[in-house]
Amino acid sequence: MASDGSSSNPGRLCLLETVNHWKYMLTIMERDSCQPGDFEKIEKAVQQTFDWLDKNKHAKKEECYRRERNLMRLGERVLYRSDCGLPREPEDEPADAPPLKRPAM
């Protein structure tokens, strides 16, 4: 069991995974492609959440889940307004693309 309480608190573990996700997203987002101030909002929210996790090792799972939802909402709002230079998925596959085959089970 981890000494920081992560493995005994699923909310804390989930929040930590979300923070790490957005920390990674910041590495692939292009600051100049975001709306003014949006990149910094996510950056600040990620740092504040890391700081909060450090100070609240035994936080209740409900508080962790609340903070996770808030971080996700902020990040999704930013990406909804502007893609921040993230690569896009192709709109459609070519008509002549072979169908995907699933492995036999």
C-alpha atoms as a PDB file:
ATOM      1  CA  MET A   1       0.000   0.000   0.000  1.00  0.00           C
ATOM      2  CA  ALA A   2       1.324   3.449  -0.900  1.00  0.00           C
ATOM      3  CA  SER A   3       2.284   5.698   1.992  1.00  0.00           C
ATOM      4  CA  ASP A   4       0.604   8.713   0.377  1.00  0.00           C
ATOM      5  CA  GLY A   5      -2.880   7.199   0.689  1.00  0.00           C
ATOM      6  CA  SER A   6      -3.456   6.919  -3.079  1.00  0.00           C
ATOM      7  CA  SER A   7      -4.130   3.195  -3.174  1.00  0.00           C
ATOM      8  CA  SER A   8      -6.573   3.327  -0.263  1.00  0.00           C
ATOM      9  CA  ASN A   9      -8.544   6.247  -1.700  1.00  0.00           C
ATOM     10  CA  PRO A  10      -9.925   5.688  -5.189  1.00  0.00           C
ATOM     11  CA  GLY A  11     -10.934   9.351  -5.438  1.00  0.00           C
ATOM     12  CA  ARG A  12      -7.378  10.497  -4.767  1.00  0.00           C
ATOM     13  CA  LEU A  13      -5.981   8.034  -7.311  1.00  0.00           C
ATOM     14  CA  CYS A  14      -8.515   9.159  -9.915  1.00  0.00           C
ATOM     15  CA  LEU A  15      -7.666  12.822  -9.280  1.00  0.00           C
ATOM     16  CA  LEU A  16      -3.959  12.085  -9.555  1.00  0.00           C
ATOM     17  CA  GLU A  17      -4.502  10.352 -12.901  1.00  0.00           C
ATOM     18  CA  THR A  18      -6.536  13.311 -14.165  1.00  0.00           C
ATOM     19  CA  VAL A  19      -3.875  15.788 -13.074  1.00  0.00           C
ATOM     20  CA  ASN A  20      -1.189  13.729 -14.806  1.00  0.00           C
ATOM     21  CA  HIS A  21      -3.357  13.593 -17.941  1.00  0.00           C
ATOM     22  CA  TRP A  22      -3.639  17.389 -18.078  1.00  0.00           C
ATOM     23  CA  LYS A  23       0.026  17.793 -17.250  1.00  0.00           C
ATOM     24  CA  TYR A  24       0.767  15.657 -20.309  1.00  0.00           C
ATOM     25  CA  MET A  25      -1.754  17.597 -22.401  1.00  0.00           C
ATOM     26  CA  LEU A  26       0.137  20.799 -21.558  1.00  0.00           C
ATOM     27  CA  THR A  27       3.269  19.279 -23.088  1.00  0.00           C
ATOM     28  CA  ILE A  28       1.560  18.701 -26.448  1.00  0.00           C
ATOM     29  CA  MET A  29      -0.644  21.810 -26.564  1.00  0.00           C
ATOM     30  CA  GLU A  30       0.647  24.846 -28.409  1.00  0.00           C
ATOM     31  CA  ARG A  31       0.393  27.855 -26.098  1.00  0.00           C
ATOM     32  CA  ASP A  32       0.067  30.319 -29.006  1.00  0.00           C
ATOM     33  CA  SER A  33      -2.781  28.344 -30.597  1.00  0.00           C
ATOM     34  CA  CYS A  34      -4.973  28.604 -27.496  1.00  0.00           C
ATOM     35  CA  GLN A  35      -7.293  31.494 -26.728  1.00  0.00           C
ATOM     36  CA  PRO A  36      -5.452  34.157 -24.684  1.00  0.00           C
ATOM     37  CA  GLY A  37      -5.067  32.985 -21.099  1.00  0.00           C
ATOM     38  CA  ASP A  38      -6.534  29.498 -21.602  1.00  0.00           C
ATOM     39  CA  PHE A  39      -3.222  27.624 -21.542  1.00  0.00           C
ATOM     40  CA  GLU A  40      -2.270  29.450 -18.350  1.00  0.00           C
ATOM     41  CA  LYS A  41      -5.645  28.587 -16.741  1.00  0.00           C
ATOM     42  CA  ILE A  42      -5.010  24.873 -17.223  1.00  0.00           C
ATOM     43  CA  GLU A  43      -1.380  25.232 -16.160  1.00  0.00           C
ATOM     44  CA  LYS A  44      -2.427  27.028 -12.961  1.00  0.00           C
ATOM     45  CA  ALA A  45      -5.237  24.547 -12.209  1.00  0.00           C
ATOM     46  CA  VAL A  46      -2.858  21.584 -12.628  1.00  0.00           C
ATOM     47  CA  GLN A  47      -0.284  23.137 -10.288  1.00  0.00           C
ATOM     48  CA  GLN A  48      -2.926  24.083  -7.705  1.00  0.00           C
ATOM     49  CA  THR A  49      -4.305  20.549  -7.769  1.00  0.00           C
ATOM     50  CA  PHE A  50      -0.842  19.010  -7.342  1.00  0.00           C
ATOM     51  CA  ASP A  51      -0.246  21.353  -4.402  1.00  0.00           C
ATOM     52  CA  TRP A  52      -3.616  20.446  -2.903  1.00  0.00           C
ATOM     53  CA  LEU A  53      -2.868  16.725  -3.257  1.00  0.00           C
ATOM     54  CA  ASP A  54       0.456  17.210  -1.456  1.00  0.00           C
ATOM     55  CA  LYS A  55      -1.235  19.015   1.433  1.00  0.00           C
ATOM     56  CA  ASN A  56      -4.270  16.717   1.667  1.00  0.00           C
ATOM     57  CA  LYS A  57      -2.911  13.183   1.641  1.00  0.00           C
ATOM     58  CA  HIS A  58      -6.000  11.836   3.410  1.00  0.00           C
ATOM     59  CA  ALA A  59      -8.674  13.872   1.650  1.00  0.00           C
ATOM     60  CA  LYS A  60     -12.137  12.388   1.359  1.00  0.00           C
ATOM     61  CA  LYS A  61     -12.915  10.736  -1.942  1.00  0.00           C
ATOM     62  CA  GLU A  62     -15.878  13.067  -2.542  1.00  0.00           C
ATOM     63  CA  GLU A  63     -13.571  16.103  -2.422  1.00  0.00           C
ATOM     64  CA  CYS A  64     -11.117  14.383  -4.770  1.00  0.00           C
ATOM     65  CA  TYR A  65     -13.905  13.582  -7.227  1.00  0.00           C
ATOM     66  CA  ARG A  66     -15.207  17.166  -7.045  1.00  0.00           C
ATOM     67  CA  ARG A  67     -11.765  18.553  -7.825  1.00  0.00           C
ATOM     68  CA  GLU A  68     -11.330  16.046 -10.640  1.00  0.00           C
ATOM     69  CA  ARG A  69     -14.629  17.101 -12.250  1.00  0.00           C
ATOM     70  CA  ASN A  70     -13.667  20.770 -11.992  1.00  0.00           C
ATOM     71  CA  LEU A  71     -10.290  20.165 -13.636  1.00  0.00           C
ATOM     72  CA  MET A  72     -11.863  18.103 -16.427  1.00  0.00           C
ATOM     73  CA  ARG A  73     -14.523  20.757 -17.070  1.00  0.00           C
ATOM     74  CA  LEU A  74     -11.919  23.486 -17.297  1.00  0.00           C
ATOM     75  CA  GLY A  75      -9.739  21.501 -19.684  1.00  0.00           C
ATOM     76  CA  GLU A  76     -12.665  20.467 -21.860  1.00  0.00           C
ATOM     77  CA  ARG A  77     -13.968  24.059 -22.060  1.00  0.00           C
ATOM     78  CA  VAL A  78     -10.557  25.245 -23.217  1.00  0.00           C
ATOM     79  CA  LEU A  79     -10.269  22.529 -25.841  1.00  0.00           C
ATOM     80  CA  TYR A  80     -13.855  23.148 -26.969  1.00  0.00           C
ATOM     81  CA  ARG A  81     -13.110  26.819 -27.637  1.00  0.00           C
ATOM     82  CA  SER A  82      -9.770  26.183 -29.306  1.00  0.00           C
ATOM     83  CA  ASP A  83      -7.918  23.016 -30.183  1.00  0.00           C
ATOM     84  CA  CYS A  84      -4.647  24.582 -28.909  1.00  0.00           C
ATOM     85  CA  GLY A  85      -2.700  23.055 -31.771  1.00  0.00           C
ATOM     86  CA  LEU A  86      -3.578  19.454 -30.904  1.00  0.00           C
ATOM     87  CA  PRO A  87      -3.593  17.024 -33.815  1.00  0.00           C
ATOM     88  CA  ARG A  88      -7.041  16.194 -35.135  1.00  0.00           C
ATOM     89  CA  GLU A  89      -8.380  12.789 -36.052  1.00  0.00           C
ATOM     90  CA  PRO A  90      -9.145  12.309 -39.752  1.00  0.00           C
ATOM     91  CA  GLU A  91     -12.770  13.234 -40.452  1.00  0.00           C
ATOM     92  CA  ASP A  92     -13.648  10.154 -42.477  1.00  0.00           C
ATOM     93  CA  GLU A  93     -11.862   7.072 -43.653  1.00  0.00           C
ATOM     94  CA  PRO A  94     -11.422   6.738 -47.396  1.00  0.00           C
ATOM     95  CA  ALA A  95     -14.292   4.906 -49.076  1.00  0.00           C
ATOM     96  CA  ASP A  96     -11.917   2.215 -50.319  1.00  0.00           C
ATOM     97  CA  ALA A  97     -10.394   1.510 -46.882  1.00  0.00           C
ATOM     98  CA  PRO A  98     -10.674  -2.158 -45.893  1.00  0.00           C
ATOM     99  CA  PRO A  99     -12.913  -2.872 -42.905  1.00  0.00           C
ATOM    100  CA  LEU A 100     -11.203  -3.422 -39.582  1.00  0.00           C
ATOM    101  CA  LYS A 101     -10.893  -7.081 -38.614  1.00  0.00           C
ATOM    102  CA  ARG A 102     -11.260  -8.067 -35.018  1.00  0.00           C
ATOM    103  CA  PRO A 103      -9.040 -10.838 -33.675  1.00  0.00           C
ATOM    104  CA  ALA A 104     -10.727 -14.183 -33.127  1.00  0.00           C
ATOM    105  CA  MET A 105     -11.502 -14.912 -29.507  1.00  0.00           C
END
